[in-house]
PDB file of N, CA and C in Angstrom:
ATOM      1  N   GLU A   1      -5.459  84.772 114.712  1.00  0.00           N
ATOM      2  CA  GLU A   1      -5.923  84.112 113.511  1.00  0.00           C
ATOM      3  C   GLU A   1      -6.507  82.764 113.897  1.00  0.00           C
ATOM      4  N   VAL A   2      -7.549  82.394 113.236  1.00  0.00           N
ATOM      5  CA  VAL A   2      -8.210  81.125 113.482  1.00  0.00           C
ATOM      6  C   VAL A   2      -7.938  80.226 112.288  1.00  0.00           C
ATOM      7  N   ALA A   3      -7.482  79.035 112.563  1.00  0.00           N
ATOM      8  CA  ALA A   3      -7.127  78.109 111.490  1.00  0.00           C
ATOM      9  C   ALA A   3      -8.350  77.380 110.963  1.00  0.00           C
ATOM     10  N   GLN A   4      -8.238  76.922 109.723  1.00  0.00           N
ATOM     11  CA  GLN A   4      -9.288  76.081 109.162  1.00  0.00           C
ATOM     12  C   GLN A   4      -9.307  74.757 109.899  1.00  0.00           C
ATOM     13  N   LEU A   5     -10.388  74.029 109.720  1.00  0.00           N
ATOM     14  CA  LEU A   5     -10.563  72.766 110.425  1.00  0.00           C
ATOM     15  C   LEU A   5      -9.438  71.786 110.113  1.00  0.00           C
ATOM     16  N   SER A   6      -8.970  71.778 108.872  1.00  0.00           N
ATOM     17  CA  SER A   6      -7.916  70.832 108.496  1.00  0.00           C
ATOM     18  C   SER A   6      -6.576  71.149 109.163  1.00  0.00           C
ATOM     19  N   LEU A   7      -6.359  72.393 109.547  1.00  0.00           N
ATOM     20  CA  LEU A   7      -5.085  72.797 110.165  1.00  0.00           C
ATOM     21  C   LEU A   7      -5.209  73.062 111.663  1.00  0.00           C
ATOM     22  N   ARG A   8      -6.403  72.903 112.222  1.00  0.00           N
ATOM     23  CA  ARG A   8      -6.650  73.320 113.598  1.00  0.00           C
ATOM     24  C   ARG A   8      -5.785  72.570 114.609  1.00  0.00           C
ATOM     25  N   ALA A   9      -5.624  71.263 114.442  1.00  0.00           N
ATOM     26  CA  ALA A   9      -4.825  70.493 115.407  1.00  0.00           C
ATOM     27  C   ALA A   9      -3.368  70.929 115.380  1.00  0.00           C
ATOM     28  N   HIS A  10      -2.820  71.143 114.192  1.00  0.00           N
ATOM     29  CA  HIS A  10      -1.423  71.578 114.077  1.00  0.00           C
ATOM     30  C   HIS A  10      -1.244  72.988 114.648  1.00  0.00           C
ATOM     31  N   THR A  11      -2.226  73.851 114.397  1.00  0.00           N
ATOM     32  CA  THR A  11      -2.151  75.215 114.906  1.00  0.00           C
ATOM     33  C   THR A  11      -2.222  75.241 116.424  1.00  0.00           C
ATOM     34  N   GLN A  12      -3.085  74.427 117.007  1.00  0.00           N
ATOM     35  CA  GLN A  12      -3.190  74.374 118.461  1.00  0.00           C
ATOM     36  C   GLN A  12      -1.918  73.799 119.084  1.00  0.00           C
ATOM     37  N   ALA A  13      -1.331  72.806 118.440  1.00  0.00           N
ATOM     38  CA  ALA A  13      -0.082  72.243 118.956  1.00  0.00           C
ATOM     39  C   ALA A  13       1.036  73.281 118.904  1.00  0.00           C
ATOM     40  N   LEU A  14       1.127  73.998 117.801  1.00  0.00           N
ATOM     41  CA  LEU A  14       2.146  75.037 117.676  1.00  0.00           C
ATOM     42  C   LEU A  14       1.918  76.144 118.701  1.00  0.00           C
ATOM     43  N   GLY A  15       0.661  76.524 118.905  1.00  0.00           N
ATOM     44  CA  GLY A  15       0.351  77.540 119.911  1.00  0.00           C
ATOM     45  C   GLY A  15       0.724  77.098 121.313  1.00  0.00           C
ATOM     46  N   THR A  16       0.509  75.827 121.615  1.00  0.00           N
ATOM     47  CA  THR A  16       0.872  75.299 122.932  1.00  0.00           C
ATOM     48  C   THR A  16       2.379  75.349 123.142  1.00  0.00           C
ATOM     49  N   VAL A  17       3.133  74.969 122.127  1.00  0.00           N
ATOM     50  CA  VAL A  17       4.598  74.990 122.226  1.00  0.00           C
ATOM     51  C   VAL A  17       5.095  76.419 122.395  1.00  0.00           C
ATOM     52  N   VAL A  18       4.565  77.340 121.593  1.00  0.00           N
ATOM     53  CA  VAL A  18       4.989  78.741 121.677  1.00  0.00           C
ATOM     54  C   VAL A  18       4.646  79.330 123.042  1.00  0.00           C
ATOM     55  N   THR A  19       3.474  79.007 123.569  1.00  0.00           N
ATOM     56  CA  THR A  19       3.091  79.490 124.896  1.00  0.00           C
ATOM     57  C   THR A  19       4.034  78.960 125.970  1.00  0.00           C
ATOM     58  N   GLY A  20       4.393  77.686 125.888  1.00  0.00           N
ATOM     59  CA  GLY A  20       5.311  77.101 126.863  1.00  0.00           C
ATOM     60  C   GLY A  20       6.687  77.737 126.813  1.00  0.00           C
ATOM     61  N   VAL A  21       7.212  77.915 125.600  1.00  0.00           N
ATOM     62  CA  VAL A  21       8.543  78.520 125.456  1.00  0.00           C
ATOM     63  C   VAL A  21       8.516  79.975 125.930  1.00  0.00           C
ATOM     64  N   ALA A  22       7.467  80.714 125.570  1.00  0.00           N
ATOM     65  CA  ALA A  22       7.374  82.109 126.006  1.00  0.00           C
ATOM     66  C   ALA A  22       7.247  82.197 127.521  1.00  0.00           C
ATOM     67  N   GLY A  23       6.488  81.295 128.128  1.00  0.00           N
ATOM     68  CA  GLY A  23       6.344  81.295 129.583  1.00  0.00           C
ATOM     69  C   GLY A  23       7.648  80.995 130.292  1.00  0.00           C
ATOM     70  N   MET A  24       8.393  80.020 129.786  1.00  0.00           N
ATOM     71  CA  MET A  24       9.693  79.700 130.392  1.00  0.00           C
ATOM     72  C   MET A  24      10.667  80.851 130.224  1.00  0.00           C
ATOM     73  N   THR A  25      10.655  81.475 129.054  1.00  0.00           N
ATOM     74  CA  THR A  25      11.554  82.611 128.810  1.00  0.00           C
ATOM     75  C   THR A  25      11.220  83.771 129.745  1.00  0.00           C
ATOM     76  N   TRP A  26       9.931  84.087 129.865  1.00  0.00           N
ATOM     77  CA  TRP A  26       9.505  85.172 130.734  1.00  0.00           C
ATOM     78  C   TRP A  26       9.868  84.881 132.191  1.00  0.00           C
ATOM     79  N   ALA A  27       9.669  83.636 132.622  1.00  0.00           N
ATOM     80  CA  ALA A  27       9.989  83.267 134.001  1.00  0.00           C
ATOM     81  C   ALA A  27      11.488  83.365 134.265  1.00  0.00           C
ATOM     82  N   PHE A  28      12.310  83.154 133.258  1.00  0.00           N
ATOM     83  CA  PHE A  28      13.755  83.254 133.412  1.00  0.00           C
ATOM     84  C   PHE A  28      14.220  84.709 133.392  1.00  0.00           C
ATOM     85  N   ILE A  29      13.612  85.529 132.539  1.00  0.00           N
ATOM     86  CA  ILE A  29      14.068  86.907 132.335  1.00  0.00           C
ATOM     87  C   ILE A  29      13.544  87.871 133.404  1.00  0.00           C
ATOM     88  N   LEU A  30      12.330  87.657 133.898  1.00  0.00           N
ATOM     89  CA  LEU A  30      11.704  88.611 134.818  1.00  0.00           C
ATOM     90  C   LEU A  30      12.557  88.952 136.038  1.00  0.00           C
ATOM     91  N   PRO A  31      13.179  87.982 136.727  1.00  0.00           N
ATOM     92  CA  PRO A  31      14.008  88.370 137.877  1.00  0.00           C
ATOM     93  C   PRO A  31      15.173  89.294 137.498  1.00  0.00           C
ATOM     94  N   TYR A  32      15.724  89.116 136.321  1.00  0.00           N
ATOM     95  CA  TYR A  32      16.810  89.992 135.885  1.00  0.00           C
ATOM     96  C   TYR A  32      16.299  91.394 135.556  1.00  0.00           C
ATOM     97  N   LEU A  33      15.076  91.486 135.063  1.00  0.00           N
ATOM     98  CA  LEU A  33      14.528  92.792 134.710  1.00  0.00           C
ATOM     99  C   LEU A  33      14.241  93.657 135.927  1.00  0.00           C
ATOM    100  N   VAL A  34      13.794  93.072 137.025  1.00  0.00           N
ATOM    101  CA  VAL A  34      13.440  93.863 138.199  1.00  0.00           C
ATOM    102  C   VAL A  34      14.569  93.969 139.222  1.00  0.00           C
ATOM    103  N   ASN A  35      15.623  93.213 139.067  1.00  0.00           N
ATOM    104  CA  ASN A  35      16.747  93.220 140.004  1.00  0.00           C
ATOM    105  C   ASN A  35      17.503  94.546 139.901  1.00  0.00           C
ATOM    106  N   PRO A  36      17.714  95.255 141.018  1.00  0.00           N
ATOM    107  CA  PRO A  36      18.444  96.533 140.975  1.00  0.00           C
ATOM    108  C   PRO A  36      19.884  96.399 140.483  1.00  0.00           C
ATOM    109  N   ASN A  37      20.491  95.228 140.629  1.00  0.00           N
ATOM    110  CA  ASN A  37      21.868  95.045 140.175  1.00  0.00           C
ATOM    111  C   ASN A  37      21.959  94.645 138.701  1.00  0.00           C
ATOM    112  N   GLU A  38      20.843  94.384 138.076  1.00  0.00           N
ATOM    113  CA  GLU A  38      20.837  93.976 136.662  1.00  0.00           C
ATOM    114  C   GLU A  38      20.203  95.081 135.813  1.00  0.00           C
ATOM    115  N   ALA A  39      19.017  94.863 135.275  1.00  0.00           N
ATOM    116  CA  ALA A  39      18.369  95.846 134.399  1.00  0.00           C
ATOM    117  C   ALA A  39      17.710  96.985 135.177  1.00  0.00           C
ATOM    118  N   ASN A  40      17.275  96.720 136.415  1.00  0.00           N
ATOM    119  CA  ASN A  40      16.677  97.728 137.298  1.00  0.00           C
ATOM    120  C   ASN A  40      15.470  98.433 136.664  1.00  0.00           C
ATOM    121  N   LEU A  41      14.594  97.674 136.033  1.00  0.00           N
ATOM    122  CA  LEU A  41      13.401  98.275 135.441  1.00  0.00           C
ATOM    123  C   LEU A  41      12.289  98.461 136.459  1.00  0.00           C
ATOM    124  N   GLY A  42      12.282  97.648 137.496  1.00  0.00           N
ATOM    125  CA  GLY A  42      11.328  97.806 138.590  1.00  0.00           C
ATOM    126  C   GLY A  42       9.895  97.988 138.140  1.00  0.00           C
ATOM    127  N   GLY A  43       9.314  99.142 138.480  1.00  0.00           N
ATOM    128  CA  GLY A  43       7.908  99.415 138.190  1.00  0.00           C
ATOM    129  C   GLY A  43       7.592  99.597 136.728  1.00  0.00           C
ATOM    130  N   LYS A  44       8.593  99.800 135.900  1.00  0.00           N
ATOM    131  CA  LYS A  44       8.350  99.965 134.473  1.00  0.00           C
ATOM    132  C   LYS A  44       7.808  98.688 133.844  1.00  0.00           C
ATOM    133  N   ILE A  45       8.001  97.572 134.521  1.00  0.00           N
ATOM    134  CA  ILE A  45       7.464  96.305 134.037  1.00  0.00           C
ATOM    135  C   ILE A  45       5.940  96.352 134.031  1.00  0.00           C
ATOM    136  N   GLY A  46       5.345  97.172 134.902  1.00  0.00           N
ATOM    137  CA  GLY A  46       3.895  97.314 134.938  1.00  0.00           C
ATOM    138  C   GLY A  46       3.319  97.846 133.638  1.00  0.00           C
ATOM    139  N   ILE A  47       4.114  98.616 132.911  1.00  0.00           N
ATOM    140  CA  ILE A  47       3.669  99.126 131.607  1.00  0.00           C
ATOM    141  C   ILE A  47       3.407  97.963 130.665  1.00  0.00           C
ATOM    142  N   LEU A  48       4.205  96.916 130.767  1.00  0.00           N
ATOM    143  CA  LEU A  48       3.987  95.743 129.929  1.00  0.00           C
ATOM    144  C   LEU A  48       2.636  95.100 130.219  1.00  0.00           C
ATOM    145  N   ALA A  49       2.210  95.144 131.466  1.00  0.00           N
ATOM    146  CA  ALA A  49       0.905  94.587 131.825  1.00  0.00           C
ATOM    147  C   ALA A  49      -0.211  95.371 131.135  1.00  0.00           C
ATOM    148  N   PHE A  50      -0.102  96.691 131.107  1.00  0.00           N
ATOM    149  CA  PHE A  50      -1.109  97.494 130.428  1.00  0.00           C
ATOM    150  C   PHE A  50      -1.103  97.240 128.928  1.00  0.00           C
ATOM    151  N   CYS A  51       0.063  97.058 128.350  1.00  0.00           N
ATOM    152  CA  CYS A  51       0.152  96.736 126.924  1.00  0.00           C
ATOM    153  C   CYS A  51      -0.488  95.387 126.632  1.00  0.00           C
ATOM    154  N   GLY A  52      -0.234  94.428 127.490  1.00  0.00           N
ATOM    155  CA  GLY A  52      -0.841  93.109 127.314  1.00  0.00           C
ATOM    156  C   GLY A  52      -2.352  93.160 127.451  1.00  0.00           C
ATOM    157  N   LEU A  53      -2.835  93.933 128.403  1.00  0.00           N
ATOM    158  CA  LEU A  53      -4.268  94.084 128.587  1.00  0.00           C
ATOM    159  C   LEU A  53      -4.895  94.777 127.385  1.00  0.00           C
ATOM    160  N   GLY A  54      -4.217  95.778 126.861  1.00  0.00           N
ATOM    161  CA  GLY A  54      -4.716  96.457 125.655  1.00  0.00           C
ATOM    162  C   GLY A  54      -4.771  95.518 124.467  1.00  0.00           C
ATOM    163  N   GLY A  55      -3.767  94.666 124.322  1.00  0.00           N
ATOM    164  CA  GLY A  55      -3.780  93.685 123.247  1.00  0.00           C
ATOM    165  C   GLY A  55      -4.906  92.685 123.380  1.00  0.00           C
ATOM    166  N   TRP A  56      -5.232  92.340 124.617  1.00  0.00           N
ATOM    167  CA  TRP A  56      -6.326  91.385 124.868  1.00  0.00           C
ATOM    168  C   TRP A  56      -7.645  91.952 124.338  1.00  0.00           C
ATOM    169  N   TYR A  57      -7.886  93.243 124.543  1.00  0.00           N
ATOM    170  CA  TYR A  57      -9.129  93.853 124.095  1.00  0.00           C
ATOM    171  C   TYR A  57      -9.078  94.319 122.647  1.00  0.00           C
ATOM    172  N   TYR A  58      -7.875  94.474 122.098  1.00  0.00           N
ATOM    173  CA  TYR A  58      -7.742  94.941 120.714  1.00  0.00           C
ATOM    174  C   TYR A  58      -8.149  93.856 119.729  1.00  0.00           C
ATOM    175  N   PHE A  59      -7.743  92.609 119.983  1.00  0.00           N
ATOM    176  CA  PHE A  59      -8.030  91.524 119.060  1.00  0.00           C
ATOM    177  C   PHE A  59      -9.450  91.025 119.284  1.00  0.00           C
ATOM    178  N   PRO A  60     -10.231  90.963 118.223  1.00  0.00           N
ATOM    179  CA  PRO A  60     -11.616  90.519 118.388  1.00  0.00           C
ATOM    180  C   PRO A  60     -11.692  89.035 118.709  1.00  0.00           C
ATOM    181  N   GLY A  61     -12.692  88.647 119.459  1.00  0.00           N
ATOM    182  CA  GLY A  61     -12.875  87.254 119.827  1.00  0.00           C
ATOM    183  C   GLY A  61     -13.796  86.531 118.861  1.00  0.00           C
ATOM    184  N   LYS A  62     -13.800  85.257 118.962  1.00  0.00           N
ATOM    185  CA  LYS A  62     -14.664  84.430 118.126  1.00  0.00           C
ATOM    186  C   LYS A  62     -15.776  83.818 118.967  1.00  0.00           C
ATOM    187  N   ASN A  63     -16.104  84.453 120.075  1.00  0.00           N
ATOM    188  CA  ASN A  63     -17.117  83.923 120.987  1.00  0.00           C
ATOM    189  C   ASN A  63     -18.485  83.873 120.315  1.00  0.00           C
ATOM    190  N   GLY A  64     -19.204  82.808 120.564  1.00  0.00           N
ATOM    191  CA  GLY A  64     -20.548  82.681 120.052  1.00  0.00           C
ATOM    192  C   GLY A  64     -20.644  82.168 118.633  1.00  0.00           C
ATOM    193  N   LYS A  65     -19.525  81.911 117.990  1.00  0.00           N
ATOM    194  CA  LYS A  65     -19.542  81.400 116.621  1.00  0.00           C
ATOM    195  C   LYS A  65     -19.168  79.919 116.629  1.00  0.00           C
ATOM    196  N   SER A  66     -19.852  79.173 115.807  1.00  0.00           N
ATOM    197  CA  SER A  66     -19.532  77.752 115.696  1.00  0.00           C
ATOM    198  C   SER A  66     -18.317  77.582 114.790  1.00  0.00           C
ATOM    199  N   PHE A  67     -17.740  76.391 114.795  1.00  0.00           N
ATOM    200  CA  PHE A  67     -16.599  76.127 113.929  1.00  0.00           C
ATOM    201  C   PHE A  67     -16.984  76.267 112.460  1.00  0.00           C
ATOM    202  N   ALA A  68     -18.205  75.886 112.113  1.00  0.00           N
ATOM    203  CA  ALA A  68     -18.667  76.013 110.726  1.00  0.00           C
ATOM    204  C   ALA A  68     -18.746  77.479 110.316  1.00  0.00           C
ATOM    205  N   GLU A  69     -19.243  78.347 111.201  1.00  0.00           N
ATOM    206  CA  GLU A  69     -19.317  79.775 110.895  1.00  0.00           C
ATOM    207  C   GLU A  69     -17.919  80.378 110.749  1.00  0.00           C
ATOM    208  N   ILE A  70     -17.012  79.978 111.607  1.00  0.00           N
ATOM    209  CA  ILE A  70     -15.636  80.485 111.539  1.00  0.00           C
ATOM    210  C   ILE A  70     -14.979  80.027 110.247  1.00  0.00           C
ATOM    211  N   ASP A  71     -15.181  78.764 109.857  1.00  0.00           N
ATOM    212  CA  ASP A  71     -14.613  78.268 108.607  1.00  0.00           C
ATOM    213  C   ASP A  71     -15.192  79.003 107.404  1.00  0.00           C
ATOM    214  N   THR A  72     -16.491  79.313 107.453  1.00  0.00           N
ATOM    215  CA  THR A  72     -17.120  80.059 106.363  1.00  0.00           C
ATOM    216  C   THR A  72     -16.525  81.454 106.257  1.00  0.00           C
ATOM    217  N   LEU A  73     -16.334  82.120 107.381  1.00  0.00           N
ATOM    218  CA  LEU A  73     -15.705  83.444 107.374  1.00  0.00           C
ATOM    219  C   LEU A  73     -14.272  83.371 106.871  1.00  0.00           C
ATOM    220  N   TYR A  74     -13.562  82.298 107.247  1.00  0.00           N
ATOM    221  CA  TYR A  74     -12.169  82.130 106.822  1.00  0.00           C
ATOM    222  C   TYR A  74     -12.096  81.938 105.305  1.00  0.00           C
ATOM    223  N   GLU A  75     -13.000  81.116 104.760  1.00  0.00           N
ATOM    224  CA  GLU A  75     -13.009  80.883 103.316  1.00  0.00           C
ATOM    225  C   GLU A  75     -13.412  82.128 102.542  1.00  0.00           C
ATOM    226  N   ALA A  76     -14.274  82.963 103.143  1.00  0.00           N
ATOM    227  CA  ALA A  76     -14.694  84.207 102.485  1.00  0.00           C
ATOM    228  C   ALA A  76     -13.654  85.305 102.644  1.00  0.00           C
ATOM    229  N   LYS A  77     -12.565  85.007 103.387  1.00  0.00           N
ATOM    230  CA  LYS A  77     -11.468  85.949 103.620  1.00  0.00           C
ATOM    231  C   LYS A  77     -11.939  87.237 104.284  1.00  0.00           C
ATOM    232  N   VAL A  78     -12.854  87.076 105.254  1.00  0.00           N
ATOM    233  CA  VAL A  78     -13.341  88.218 106.031  1.00  0.00           C
ATOM    234  C   VAL A  78     -12.290  88.542 107.086  1.00  0.00           C
ATOM    235  N   ALA A  79     -11.931  89.809 107.200  1.00  0.00           N
ATOM    236  CA  ALA A  79     -10.950  90.219 108.217  1.00  0.00           C
ATOM    237  C   ALA A  79     -11.555  90.038 109.591  1.00  0.00           C
ATOM    238  N   SER A  80     -10.743  89.530 110.536  1.00  0.00           N
ATOM    239  CA  SER A  80     -11.281  89.280 111.878  1.00  0.00           C
ATOM    240  C   SER A  80     -11.287  90.479 112.731  1.00  0.00           C
TER     241      SER A  80
END
């Protein structure tokens, strides 16, 4: 989702915090997931990479659009 101009700074700050927390959590959990004495998921973790890659291509990008065009689409409630 793309925020309106008035909320963009708050949305970017929240996204930065969420990315940091998710990265720290993933860095803490990953060794336990692949460890044979713990979860022993091993190669099954690779499936998560394919899911993440699929999600990257599933969500449409806003490339080539100016902030004014994005705000106009947001106000018109056009699905992204």
